[in-house]
Amino acid sequence: MSYLELKNVSKSFGEGAHATHVLKNISLSVREGEFLVILGFSGSGKTTLINLIAGLERPDRGEVIFKGAPVTGPGPDRGLVFQSYALMPWLTVEGNIALAVEAVHGKKSKDERARIVAEAIKMVGLSHAVERRPAELSGGMRQRVAVARALAMKPEVLLMDEPLSALDALTRANVATEIEQIWEADRRTAILITNDVDEALVLADRIVCLNPDGTLGEMFEVGLARPRDRSGMNEDPEFMRLRAAVTTYLMDVGIQGKAEETRRLPDVTPRHAMPKAYADASVAQSLADDRYLQFSQLYKIYPTPKGPLTVVEDFNLTVKKGEFISLIGHSGCGKSTVLTMTAGLNSISKGAIKLDGVHVEGADPERAVVFQSPNLFPWLTAKENVAIGVDKVYPKASQAERQEVVEYYLERVGLADSMDKPASSMSNGMRQRVGIARAFALSPKLLLLDEPFGMLDSLTRWELQEVLMEVWSRTNVTAICVTHDVDEAILLADRVVMMTNGPRATIGKITEVGLPRPRTRKALLDHPDYYHYRQEVLDFLEEYEHGAHKKDAA
């Protein structure tokens, strides 16, 4: 008899012609004590599947069997950790956990209930914060409270629905490690929903993929030795093999084919196309191209009640024309500060930034920015949002030519069929595509990307990274991308520039990425040098992870 089993489970929402078929004929057995990870793109039915196991939803067809009996509703034997923390803001850490313990273990003595609460708090490393309220906790700490609350219910199966997706990359990795340690302590059955392949490989005994159409996909047994260290695994041949196999499978089933090119870019010139310096001499122009973007002794200093705070100091970098730079480092290291100064959105305290021989002073369409949130006008269509900048940049072009520019780039980012769709009705991924199209349509001298895919799930990021690379390869615009994602940094960059911890952050290391272009994620995973570059960046980030080399603020 299987411990937990789904037998030919299907689930739809809506009725008749308006029904959305989310899961189709899912048959899956879960072993007692197994750590199972369910991996798939957004919209593939992952959350619906875990809700069926939790008893929060009932299948339209088939059944969910737990320990030989059908699941007919929720129960304390299946503890659920949601994507959002759902904590009571007026209760302390201890109070939030005690509330769940009293609901499930109300018949136990007061001392026994207190022991269960204290044990759960200790397991997630929050004994020092028992009296704090949620508002006083970081995102990672709040999610650990949610995990502790589920553990305190002493469920036989721990169900986790993307519990780490709202956290920054470093916190996410640390909490995932803690979850593995907690699971290792008593090996209770655990099922985790995620869209992150590395997270799955760190935690899982077995990975089950859900296809975008709601059918069950391929399964991968993960035989990597525990405990699993992310940096150490990077050089493990079995980790590399599994990572490539899972990634390739998901990309094959989940990423739509690129749209056929039906439009051509018109021959129009943006107002900032002609260089403002060195325009006459070819030798001088070649020199200018080698020093196209220059950061010279750049500082950013903010006044504070305790005195000046130096966030970035002595940042020096020369970028060639057409080069793609990834800027990476831990939170608070000044990556976005450097980017906003380059965009002209943040004043320079000391030093200088020169683009094409001219000092950067104030914002200008020649420096296009794609932010983490695309900042679209929600009442305008995709086409209208992109056209706003295009109309200003091509003053001598006809209206028809401007329209061709808009439609060309929207088609390139995969929105050929959604140009007239209002931004308010688009998904986050679609809105970010519009933001990318808008930036390229400005034909900028410099493209600045500030964690452009940071709000998207991992698998949607893959798709948009490929879109970005494909469009960039056509323009070869000089670009700087701020990211916290090691794989994204390597995929995109000619050079990865790593920043030390703040305050007083500066460049700590630069890695030249000699991987061939054009690049795709699948091709890089098969390249013999890829994991070497990955290890270089991981080693640097690990060295600075816990505040190492942090300078005192002056």
Protein backbone atom coordinates (compact mmCIF):
# COMPACT_ATOMS: atom_id res chain seq x y z
CA MET A 1 0.00 0.00 0.00
CA SER A 2 1.32 3.44 -0.95
CA TYR A 3 1.68 6.01 1.82
CA LEU A 4 0.22 8.83 -0.29
CA GLU A 5 -1.23 8.31 -3.74
CA LEU A 6 -3.05 10.27 -6.43
CA LYS A 7 -5.07 8.03 -8.75
CA ASN A 8 -6.07 9.47 -12.14
CA VAL A 9 -6.75 12.88 -10.59
CA SER A 10 -8.22 15.64 -12.77
CA LYS A 11 -9.29 19.12 -11.68
CA SER A 12 -11.03 21.92 -13.60
CA PHE A 13 -12.36 25.32 -12.64
CA GLY A 14 -15.45 26.83 -14.28
CA GLU A 15 -18.12 25.05 -16.26
CA GLY A 16 -18.85 24.01 -19.84
CA ALA A 17 -17.09 25.96 -22.57
CA HIS A 18 -15.60 28.30 -19.95
CA ALA A 19 -13.95 25.51 -17.94
CA THR A 20 -10.21 25.69 -17.36
CA HIS A 21 -8.67 22.23 -17.16
CA VAL A 22 -5.83 22.58 -14.67
CA LEU A 23 -4.79 18.98 -13.93
CA LYS A 24 -5.32 15.98 -16.20
CA ASN A 25 -5.14 12.32 -15.16
CA ILE A 26 -2.41 12.68 -12.54
CA SER A 27 -1.25 9.38 -11.04
CA LEU A 28 1.53 9.68 -8.48
CA SER A 29 2.74 7.69 -5.46
CA VAL A 30 4.73 9.27 -2.62
CA ARG A 31 6.88 7.13 -0.37
CA GLU A 32 6.80 7.53 3.41
CA GLY A 33 9.72 9.72 4.53
CA GLU A 34 10.41 10.93 0.98
CA PHE A 35 11.23 14.53 0.13
CA LEU A 36 9.35 15.06 -3.13
CA VAL A 37 9.71 18.26 -5.16
CA ILE A 38 7.09 19.23 -7.75
CA LEU A 39 8.62 21.49 -10.39
CA GLY A 40 6.94 23.36 -13.21
CA PHE A 41 6.11 26.65 -14.89
CA SER A 42 3.54 29.08 -13.51
CA GLY A 43 0.06 27.92 -14.48
CA SER A 44 0.98 24.23 -14.70
CA GLY A 45 -1.25 23.34 -11.73
CA LYS A 46 1.38 22.92 -8.99
CA THR A 47 -0.60 24.78 -6.31
CA THR A 48 -3.83 23.02 -7.28
CA LEU A 49 -2.06 19.68 -6.88
CA ILE A 50 -0.80 20.48 -3.37
CA ASN A 51 -4.24 21.85 -2.40
CA LEU A 52 -5.77 18.52 -3.43
CA ILE A 53 -3.28 16.67 -1.21
CA ALA A 54 -4.01 19.09 1.65
CA GLY A 55 -7.75 18.54 1.21
CA LEU A 56 -8.45 22.20 0.42
CA GLU A 57 -9.77 21.18 -3.02
CA ARG A 58 -11.57 18.05 -4.19
CA PRO A 59 -10.77 16.38 -7.53
CA ASP A 60 -13.37 16.31 -10.30
CA ARG A 61 -12.23 12.81 -11.19
CA GLY A 62 -9.96 10.30 -9.48
CA GLU A 63 -9.03 10.36 -5.81
CA VAL A 64 -6.28 11.25 -3.37
CA ILE A 65 -5.48 8.40 -0.95
CA PHE A 66 -3.55 8.96 2.30
CA LYS A 67 -2.63 5.91 4.39
CA GLY A 68 -5.28 3.87 2.64
CA ALA A 69 -8.18 6.32 3.10
CA PRO A 70 -9.54 8.95 0.67
CA VAL A 71 -8.68 12.58 1.47
CA THR A 72 -12.00 14.37 2.01
CA GLY A 73 -10.79 17.57 3.65
CA PRO A 74 -7.93 19.28 5.49
CA GLY A 75 -6.44 17.73 8.61
CA PRO A 76 -3.58 18.24 11.09
CA ASP A 77 -1.80 15.22 9.64
CA ARG A 78 -0.97 17.37 6.60
CA GLY A 79 0.68 20.69 7.56
CA LEU A 80 0.74 23.37 4.87
CA VAL A 81 3.19 26.25 4.44
CA PHE A 82 1.93 28.83 1.94
CA GLN A 83 3.84 31.16 -0.38
CA SER A 84 2.74 34.15 1.72
CA TYR A 85 3.41 34.10 5.44
CA ALA A 86 -0.20 34.73 6.64
CA LEU A 87 0.99 35.57 10.17
CA MET A 88 -1.11 37.41 12.75
CA PRO A 89 0.61 40.82 12.86
CA TRP A 90 -0.41 41.54 16.48
CA LEU A 91 1.06 38.29 17.82
CA THR A 92 4.70 37.53 18.58
CA VAL A 93 6.65 34.69 16.97
CA GLU A 94 5.74 32.56 19.97
CA GLY A 95 2.11 33.68 19.85
CA ASN A 96 1.69 32.84 16.16
CA ILE A 97 3.01 29.34 16.68
CA ALA A 98 1.09 28.82 19.92
CA LEU A 99 -2.16 29.67 18.12
CA ALA A 100 -1.68 26.70 15.77
CA VAL A 101 -0.55 24.41 18.59
CA GLU A 102 -3.65 25.19 20.64
CA ALA A 103 -5.90 24.47 17.66
CA VAL A 104 -4.32 21.06 17.00
CA HIS A 105 -3.05 19.98 20.41
CA GLY A 106 -5.67 21.62 22.62
CA LYS A 107 -6.13 18.51 24.73
CA LYS A 108 -2.48 18.44 25.79
CA SER A 109 -1.35 20.15 28.99
CA LYS A 110 -0.23 23.78 28.97
CA ASP A 111 3.37 22.74 29.69
CA GLU A 112 3.33 20.19 26.87
CA ARG A 113 1.96 22.75 24.42
CA ALA A 114 4.66 25.23 25.48
CA ARG A 115 7.31 22.55 24.94
CA ILE A 116 6.02 21.90 21.39
CA VAL A 117 6.12 25.65 20.61
CA ALA A 118 9.66 26.06 21.98
CA GLU A 119 10.86 22.99 20.08
CA ALA A 120 9.47 24.27 16.77
CA ILE A 121 11.01 27.72 17.31
CA LYS A 122 14.38 26.14 18.07
CA MET A 123 14.23 23.96 14.95
CA VAL A 124 14.03 27.03 12.68
CA GLY A 125 16.65 29.02 14.63
CA LEU A 126 14.37 31.74 16.02
CA SER A 127 14.85 31.26 19.77
CA HIS A 128 16.39 34.75 19.93
CA ALA A 129 13.27 36.33 18.38
CA VAL A 130 10.38 34.73 20.29
CA GLU A 131 9.02 38.11 21.48
CA ARG A 132 9.24 39.89 18.14
CA ARG A 133 6.19 40.60 16.01
CA PRO A 134 6.10 39.97 12.23
CA ALA A 135 6.74 43.64 11.40
CA GLU A 136 10.07 43.37 13.26
CA LEU A 137 11.22 40.35 11.24
CA SER A 138 12.92 40.04 7.85
CA GLY A 139 11.17 38.18 5.03
CA GLY A 140 13.30 35.10 5.66
CA MET A 141 12.50 35.12 9.38
CA ARG A 142 8.77 35.49 8.73
CA GLN A 143 8.85 32.49 6.42
CA ARG A 144 10.71 30.50 9.06
CA VAL A 145 7.88 31.30 11.49
CA ALA A 146 5.44 29.85 8.95
CA VAL A 147 7.57 26.70 8.68
CA ALA A 148 7.80 26.44 12.48
CA ARG A 149 4.03 26.83 12.78
CA ALA A 150 3.49 23.93 10.38
CA LEU A 151 6.09 21.80 12.18
CA ALA A 152 4.51 22.52 15.57
CA MET A 153 1.31 20.91 14.37
CA LYS A 154 3.43 17.72 14.11
CA PRO A 155 1.99 16.71 10.72
CA GLU A 156 2.83 13.39 9.17
CA VAL A 157 3.27 15.15 5.82
CA LEU A 158 4.75 18.64 5.46
CA LEU A 159 3.35 20.44 2.39
CA MET A 160 5.12 23.58 1.16
CA ASP A 161 3.70 25.75 -1.61
CA GLU A 162 6.59 27.87 -2.98
CA PRO A 163 7.48 29.02 0.57
CA LEU A 164 10.70 30.73 -0.55
CA SER A 165 9.64 32.52 -3.72
CA ALA A 166 9.15 35.93 -2.08
CA LEU A 167 12.68 35.95 -0.62
CA ASP A 168 15.87 37.37 -2.10
CA ALA A 169 18.29 34.84 -3.58
CA LEU A 170 20.70 34.62 -0.62
CA THR A 171 17.94 34.36 2.00
CA ARG A 172 16.14 31.83 -0.18
CA ALA A 173 19.23 29.64 -0.38
CA ASN A 174 19.83 29.87 3.38
CA VAL A 175 16.22 29.01 4.30
CA ALA A 176 16.26 26.09 1.83
CA THR A 177 19.35 24.75 3.62
CA GLU A 178 17.53 25.10 6.96
CA ILE A 179 14.52 23.23 5.59
CA GLU A 180 16.80 20.38 4.51
CA GLN A 181 18.34 20.25 8.01
CA ILE A 182 14.89 20.21 9.66
CA TRP A 183 13.70 17.44 7.34
CA GLU A 184 16.89 15.46 7.93
CA ALA A 185 16.23 15.45 11.69
CA ASP A 186 13.18 13.16 11.54
CA ARG A 187 12.66 12.39 7.83
CA ARG A 188 8.93 13.09 7.84
CA THR A 189 7.34 13.02 4.39
CA ALA A 190 7.71 16.40 2.66
CA ILE A 191 6.32 17.75 -0.59
CA LEU A 192 7.64 21.06 -1.91
CA ILE A 193 6.28 23.12 -4.80
CA THR A 194 8.93 25.24 -6.52
CA ASN A 195 9.98 26.68 -9.86
CA ASP A 196 13.69 26.72 -9.01
CA VAL A 197 15.78 23.82 -10.35
CA ASP A 198 18.72 24.37 -7.98
CA GLU A 199 16.37 24.51 -4.99
CA ALA A 200 14.82 21.23 -6.13
CA LEU A 201 18.23 19.58 -6.47
CA VAL A 202 19.33 20.74 -3.00
CA LEU A 203 16.20 19.35 -1.31
CA ALA A 204 14.68 16.49 -3.27
CA ASP A 205 14.91 12.72 -3.17
CA ARG A 206 12.82 12.84 -6.31
CA ILE A 207 11.74 15.61 -8.69
CA VAL A 208 8.40 15.39 -10.47
CA CYS A 209 7.80 17.81 -13.36
CA LEU A 210 4.35 19.13 -14.21
CA ASN A 211 3.83 20.00 -17.87
CA PRO A 212 2.23 23.34 -18.83
CA ASP A 213 -0.91 21.49 -19.98
CA GLY A 214 -1.50 20.03 -16.50
CA THR A 215 -0.27 16.51 -17.26
CA LEU A 216 2.40 14.67 -15.32
CA GLY A 217 5.85 15.03 -16.83
CA GLU A 218 9.16 13.32 -16.36
CA MET A 219 10.46 12.19 -12.95
CA PHE A 220 14.09 12.40 -11.81
CA GLU A 221 15.58 10.44 -8.90
CA VAL A 222 18.09 12.64 -7.05
CA GLY A 223 20.78 10.46 -5.53
CA LEU A 224 23.13 13.26 -4.45
CA ALA A 225 24.74 12.71 -1.03
CA ARG A 226 23.32 14.67 1.92
CA PRO A 227 23.84 17.18 3.39
CA ARG A 228 24.04 19.11 0.13
CA ASP A 229 26.17 22.19 -0.20
CA ARG A 230 25.30 24.43 -3.16
CA SER A 231 28.85 25.52 -3.82
CA GLY A 232 30.27 22.04 -3.33
CA MET A 233 27.71 20.44 -5.63
CA ASN A 234 28.71 22.77 -8.46
CA GLU A 235 31.67 20.50 -9.29
CA ASP A 236 29.78 17.21 -8.81
CA PRO A 237 29.35 15.43 -12.21
CA GLU A 238 26.02 13.92 -11.12
CA PHE A 239 24.71 17.36 -10.12
CA MET A 240 25.75 18.73 -13.52
CA ARG A 241 24.07 15.82 -15.31
CA LEU A 242 20.82 16.12 -13.36
CA ARG A 243 20.76 19.91 -13.64
CA ALA A 244 21.19 19.73 -17.42
CA ALA A 245 18.59 16.96 -17.76
CA VAL A 246 15.92 18.74 -15.69
CA THR A 247 16.60 22.12 -17.30
CA THR A 248 16.51 20.69 -20.81
CA TYR A 249 13.26 18.85 -20.15
CA LEU A 250 11.52 21.94 -18.73
CA MET A 251 12.72 24.18 -21.55
CA ASP A 252 11.65 21.67 -24.17
CA VAL A 253 8.11 21.37 -22.80
CA GLY A 254 7.61 24.87 -21.43
CA ILE A 255 9.21 27.50 -23.62
CA GLN A 256 7.25 28.38 -26.71
CA GLY A 257 9.05 28.54 -30.01
CA LYS A 258 10.21 31.95 -31.10
CA ALA A 259 7.75 33.87 -33.19
CA GLU A 260 8.34 33.88 -36.91
CA GLU A 261 9.79 37.16 -38.04
CA THR A 262 7.24 38.93 -40.21
CA ARG A 263 8.27 42.55 -39.67
CA ARG A 264 11.38 44.46 -40.65
CA LEU A 265 12.96 47.36 -38.79
CA PRO A 266 12.60 50.58 -40.80
CA ASP A 267 15.67 52.60 -41.70
CA VAL A 268 15.19 55.45 -39.22
CA THR A 269 17.78 57.29 -37.15
CA PRO A 270 17.27 58.17 -33.47
CA ARG A 271 18.13 61.68 -32.41
CA HIS A 272 21.09 60.52 -30.31
CA ALA A 273 22.57 58.19 -32.97
CA MET A 274 25.51 60.36 -34.04
CA PRO A 275 28.43 60.37 -31.57
CA LYS A 276 28.83 63.67 -29.77
CA ALA A 277 32.60 63.32 -29.65
CA TYR A 278 35.38 62.00 -31.91
CA ALA A 279 33.00 61.93 -34.89
CA ASP A 280 35.60 62.91 -37.48
CA ALA A 281 38.71 60.78 -36.96
CA SER A 282 38.42 57.01 -37.41
CA VAL A 283 41.42 56.34 -35.13
CA ALA A 284 39.94 58.50 -32.42
CA GLN A 285 36.59 56.76 -32.90
CA SER A 286 38.20 53.35 -32.44
CA LEU A 287 39.76 54.59 -29.21
CA ALA A 288 36.40 55.96 -28.13
CA ASP A 289 34.77 52.58 -28.79
CA ASP A 290 37.30 50.89 -26.48
CA ARG A 291 36.46 53.46 -23.79
CA TYR A 292 32.83 53.91 -24.71
CA LEU A 293 31.62 53.98 -21.10
CA GLN A 294 33.96 55.08 -18.33
CA PHE A 295 33.48 55.09 -14.56
CA SER A 296 36.26 57.12 -12.95
CA GLN A 297 36.74 57.17 -9.16
CA LEU A 298 32.97 57.06 -8.69
CA TYR A 299 31.54 57.71 -5.21
CA LYS A 300 28.05 57.90 -3.78
CA ILE A 301 27.77 59.49 -0.36
CA TYR A 302 24.49 60.08 1.51
CA PRO A 303 24.11 62.49 4.43
CA THR A 304 22.78 60.86 7.61
CA PRO A 305 22.17 62.10 11.17
CA LYS A 306 25.36 60.26 12.19
CA GLY A 307 27.41 61.81 9.39
CA PRO A 308 28.18 60.99 5.74
CA LEU A 309 27.54 57.39 4.65
CA THR A 310 29.67 56.21 1.74
CA VAL A 311 27.66 53.58 -0.13
CA VAL A 312 29.93 53.24 -3.19
CA GLU A 313 33.59 54.27 -3.27
CA ASP A 314 36.32 54.40 -5.89
CA PHE A 315 34.37 52.48 -8.52
CA ASN A 316 36.51 52.33 -11.68
CA LEU A 317 35.47 50.50 -14.84
CA THR A 318 35.93 50.92 -18.60
CA VAL A 319 33.37 49.31 -20.91
CA LYS A 320 33.81 48.74 -24.65
CA LYS A 321 31.13 49.65 -27.14
CA GLY A 322 28.79 46.68 -27.61
CA GLU A 323 29.96 44.93 -24.44
CA PHE A 324 27.50 43.31 -22.03
CA ILE A 325 28.40 43.68 -18.33
CA SER A 326 26.71 41.81 -15.47
CA LEU A 327 26.98 43.55 -12.10
CA ILE A 328 26.53 41.14 -9.18
CA GLY A 329 26.88 41.19 -5.40
CA HIS A 330 24.94 40.75 -2.18
CA SER A 331 22.02 42.98 -1.17
CA GLY A 332 23.18 46.43 -0.09
CA CYS A 333 26.43 46.38 -2.09
CA GLY A 334 25.47 49.37 -4.22
CA LYS A 335 24.74 47.64 -7.54
CA SER A 336 21.52 49.55 -8.16
CA THR A 337 23.13 52.77 -6.92
CA VAL A 338 25.80 52.50 -9.62
CA LEU A 339 23.10 51.78 -12.21
CA THR A 340 20.87 54.73 -11.23
CA MET A 341 23.87 57.08 -11.30
CA THR A 342 24.67 55.78 -14.79
CA ALA A 343 21.07 56.40 -15.84
CA GLY A 344 21.29 59.97 -14.53
CA LEU A 345 18.54 59.28 -11.99
CA ASN A 346 20.85 59.61 -8.99
CA SER A 347 23.44 62.33 -8.54
CA ILE A 348 27.16 61.52 -8.49
CA SER A 349 28.88 62.52 -5.23
CA LYS A 350 32.46 62.31 -6.53
CA GLY A 351 34.13 61.11 -9.71
CA ALA A 352 32.58 60.89 -13.16
CA ILE A 353 30.73 58.75 -15.66
CA LYS A 354 31.35 59.39 -19.38
CA LEU A 355 29.35 57.83 -22.20
CA ASP A 356 30.66 58.23 -25.74
CA GLY A 357 33.00 60.97 -24.57
CA VAL A 358 30.33 63.04 -22.79
CA HIS A 359 29.71 63.32 -19.05
CA VAL A 360 26.48 61.78 -17.79
CA GLU A 361 24.30 64.51 -16.35
CA GLY A 362 20.62 63.80 -15.83
CA ALA A 363 18.35 61.28 -17.51
CA ASP A 364 18.28 60.90 -21.29
CA PRO A 365 16.61 58.44 -23.74
CA GLU A 366 20.10 57.51 -24.97
CA ARG A 367 20.31 55.56 -21.68
CA ALA A 368 17.28 53.26 -21.56
CA VAL A 369 16.42 51.59 -18.25
CA VAL A 370 14.46 48.39 -17.58
CA PHE A 371 13.53 48.17 -13.91
CA GLN A 372 12.47 45.16 -11.85
CA SER A 373 8.93 46.47 -12.20
CA PRO A 374 8.30 47.68 -15.77
CA ASN A 375 6.33 50.83 -14.79
CA LEU A 376 3.80 50.70 -17.60
CA PHE A 377 0.71 52.87 -17.90
CA PRO A 378 -1.96 50.26 -17.03
CA TRP A 379 -4.70 51.87 -19.12
CA LEU A 380 -2.58 51.87 -22.30
CA THR A 381 -1.98 48.91 -24.60
CA ALA A 382 1.41 47.30 -25.11
CA LYS A 383 1.75 49.18 -28.38
CA GLU A 384 0.84 52.52 -26.81
CA ASN A 385 3.27 52.03 -23.90
CA VAL A 386 6.18 51.41 -26.28
CA ALA A 387 5.15 54.24 -28.62
CA ILE A 388 5.51 56.90 -25.90
CA GLY A 389 9.31 56.76 -26.01
CA VAL A 390 9.55 56.04 -29.74
CA ASP A 391 7.71 59.22 -30.71
CA LYS A 392 10.30 61.31 -28.86
CA VAL A 393 13.39 59.45 -30.07
CA TYR A 394 12.61 59.46 -33.84
CA PRO A 395 11.50 63.06 -34.50
CA LYS A 396 12.19 62.83 -38.27
CA ALA A 397 10.46 59.50 -38.84
CA SER A 398 6.92 59.27 -40.20
CA GLN A 399 4.12 57.99 -38.00
CA ALA A 400 4.05 54.76 -40.04
CA GLU A 401 7.79 54.24 -39.52
CA ARG A 402 7.48 54.80 -35.78
CA GLN A 403 4.65 52.27 -35.69
CA GLU A 404 6.87 49.77 -37.51
CA VAL A 405 9.58 50.22 -34.85
CA VAL A 406 7.05 49.58 -32.07
CA GLU A 407 5.58 46.49 -33.71
CA TYR A 408 8.99 45.07 -34.65
CA TYR A 409 10.26 44.98 -31.07
CA LEU A 410 6.96 43.78 -29.61
CA GLU A 411 7.08 40.90 -32.06
CA ARG A 412 10.70 40.16 -31.12
CA VAL A 413 9.75 39.76 -27.43
CA GLY A 414 6.91 37.39 -28.29
CA LEU A 415 3.95 39.77 -28.06
CA ALA A 416 2.88 39.77 -31.71
CA ASP A 417 -0.62 38.63 -30.70
CA SER A 418 -0.92 40.90 -27.65
CA MET A 419 0.05 44.34 -28.97
CA ASP A 420 -3.42 45.76 -28.41
CA LYS A 421 -3.86 44.23 -24.99
CA PRO A 422 -3.97 46.73 -22.08
CA ALA A 423 -1.10 46.45 -19.61
CA SER A 424 -3.58 46.02 -16.73
CA SER A 425 -4.68 42.65 -18.11
CA MET A 426 -1.15 41.29 -18.63
CA SER A 427 0.83 38.90 -16.44
CA ASN A 428 4.07 40.10 -14.81
CA GLY A 429 6.05 38.26 -17.46
CA MET A 430 4.13 39.92 -20.32
CA ARG A 431 4.52 43.37 -18.75
CA GLN A 432 8.26 42.85 -18.44
CA ARG A 433 8.38 41.88 -22.13
CA VAL A 434 6.76 45.24 -22.93
CA GLY A 435 9.41 46.96 -20.80
CA ILE A 436 12.20 45.21 -22.71
CA ALA A 437 10.61 46.06 -26.07
CA ARG A 438 10.26 49.70 -25.01
CA ALA A 439 13.93 49.90 -24.02
CA PHE A 440 15.21 48.41 -27.30
CA ALA A 441 12.80 50.52 -29.35
CA LEU A 442 14.56 53.65 -28.06
CA SER A 443 17.68 52.46 -29.92
CA PRO A 444 19.75 53.55 -26.91
CA LYS A 445 23.47 54.00 -26.71
CA LEU A 446 23.36 52.22 -23.36
CA LEU A 447 20.87 49.66 -22.04
CA LEU A 448 20.60 49.51 -18.25
CA LEU A 449 18.77 46.60 -16.62
CA ASP A 450 18.09 46.66 -12.87
CA GLU A 451 17.22 43.06 -11.89
CA PRO A 452 14.73 42.99 -14.78
CA PHE A 453 13.53 39.45 -14.03
CA GLY A 454 13.73 39.59 -10.23
CA MET A 455 9.94 39.55 -9.71
CA LEU A 456 9.36 36.59 -12.01
CA ASP A 457 9.44 32.89 -11.27
CA SER A 458 12.62 31.05 -12.24
CA LEU A 459 11.25 29.38 -15.35
CA THR A 460 9.68 32.58 -16.74
CA ARG A 461 13.07 34.23 -16.16
CA TRP A 462 14.69 31.59 -18.37
CA GLU A 463 12.34 32.43 -21.19
CA LEU A 464 12.84 36.19 -20.94
CA GLN A 465 16.61 35.81 -20.65
CA GLU A 466 16.54 33.98 -23.97
CA VAL A 467 14.33 36.74 -25.41
CA LEU A 468 16.74 39.40 -24.14
CA MET A 469 19.74 37.59 -25.61
CA GLU A 470 18.03 37.13 -28.96
CA VAL A 471 17.07 40.79 -29.28
CA TRP A 472 20.42 42.02 -27.92
CA SER A 473 22.28 39.91 -30.50
CA ARG A 474 20.52 41.91 -33.23
CA THR A 475 21.47 45.30 -31.79
CA ASN A 476 24.75 44.72 -29.90
CA VAL A 477 23.85 47.68 -27.71
CA THR A 478 26.22 48.32 -24.82
CA ALA A 479 24.49 46.95 -21.72
CA ILE A 480 24.83 46.68 -17.95
CA CYS A 481 22.59 44.27 -16.03
CA VAL A 482 22.32 44.28 -12.24
CA THR A 483 21.44 40.81 -11.00
CA HIS A 484 21.69 38.51 -7.98
CA ASP A 485 21.41 35.38 -10.14
CA VAL A 486 24.76 33.73 -10.90
CA ASP A 487 23.49 31.81 -13.92
CA GLU A 488 21.83 34.91 -15.35
CA ALA A 489 25.05 36.90 -14.90
CA ILE A 490 27.11 34.33 -16.82
CA LEU A 491 24.49 33.72 -19.51
CA LEU A 492 24.25 37.41 -20.41
CA ALA A 493 27.71 38.81 -19.87
CA ASP A 494 31.00 39.34 -21.63
CA ARG A 495 32.33 40.23 -18.17
CA VAL A 496 30.89 39.64 -14.68
CA VAL A 497 31.77 42.51 -12.35
CA MET A 498 31.51 41.48 -8.68
CA MET A 499 31.03 44.07 -5.94
CA THR A 500 32.19 43.87 -2.34
CA ASN A 501 29.76 44.29 0.54
CA GLY A 502 28.56 47.73 1.51
CA PRO A 503 28.96 50.28 2.87
CA ARG A 504 31.98 51.56 0.97
CA ALA A 505 31.38 48.95 -1.73
CA THR A 506 33.62 48.78 -4.75
CA ILE A 507 34.66 46.29 -7.43
CA GLY A 508 36.09 43.15 -5.84
CA LYS A 509 36.69 40.97 -8.88
CA ILE A 510 36.02 40.86 -12.63
CA THR A 511 35.60 37.60 -14.53
CA GLU A 512 35.93 37.51 -18.33
CA VAL A 513 33.30 35.13 -19.74
CA GLY A 514 34.75 33.50 -22.84
CA LEU A 515 31.70 31.40 -23.72
CA PRO A 516 30.65 31.49 -27.39
CA ARG A 517 27.76 33.59 -28.66
CA PRO A 518 24.93 33.37 -29.51
CA ARG A 519 24.14 31.75 -26.17
CA THR A 520 21.28 29.62 -24.95
CA ARG A 521 20.88 28.13 -21.50
CA LYS A 522 20.83 24.57 -22.85
CA ALA A 523 24.03 25.11 -24.83
CA LEU A 524 25.86 26.62 -21.86
CA LEU A 525 25.00 23.70 -19.59
CA ASP A 526 26.85 21.44 -22.03
CA HIS A 527 29.90 23.70 -22.35
CA PRO A 528 32.98 22.37 -20.48
CA ASP A 529 33.91 25.84 -19.12
CA TYR A 530 30.46 26.88 -17.89
CA TYR A 531 30.76 25.45 -14.36
CA HIS A 532 34.27 26.89 -14.04
CA TYR A 533 32.88 30.42 -14.50
CA ARG A 534 29.98 29.58 -12.19
CA GLN A 535 32.38 28.43 -9.47
CA GLU A 536 34.44 31.64 -9.73
CA VAL A 537 31.36 33.77 -9.04
CA LEU A 538 30.00 31.42 -6.35
CA ASP A 539 33.34 31.45 -4.53
CA PHE A 540 33.40 35.25 -4.50
CA LEU A 541 29.80 35.51 -3.24
CA GLU A 542 30.41 32.86 -0.58
CA GLU A 543 33.48 34.73 0.64
CA TYR A 544 31.33 37.84 1.18
CA GLU A 545 28.13 36.05 2.21
CA HIS A 546 28.30 36.66 5.94
CA GLY A 547 29.66 40.19 5.82
CA ALA A 548 33.30 39.28 5.27
CA HIS A 549 35.59 42.17 4.34
CA LYS A 550 32.89 44.64 5.33
CA LYS A 551 34.43 48.06 5.83
CA ASP A 552 33.40 50.36 8.62
CA ALA A 553 31.30 53.30 7.55
CA ALA A 554 33.14 56.57 7.73
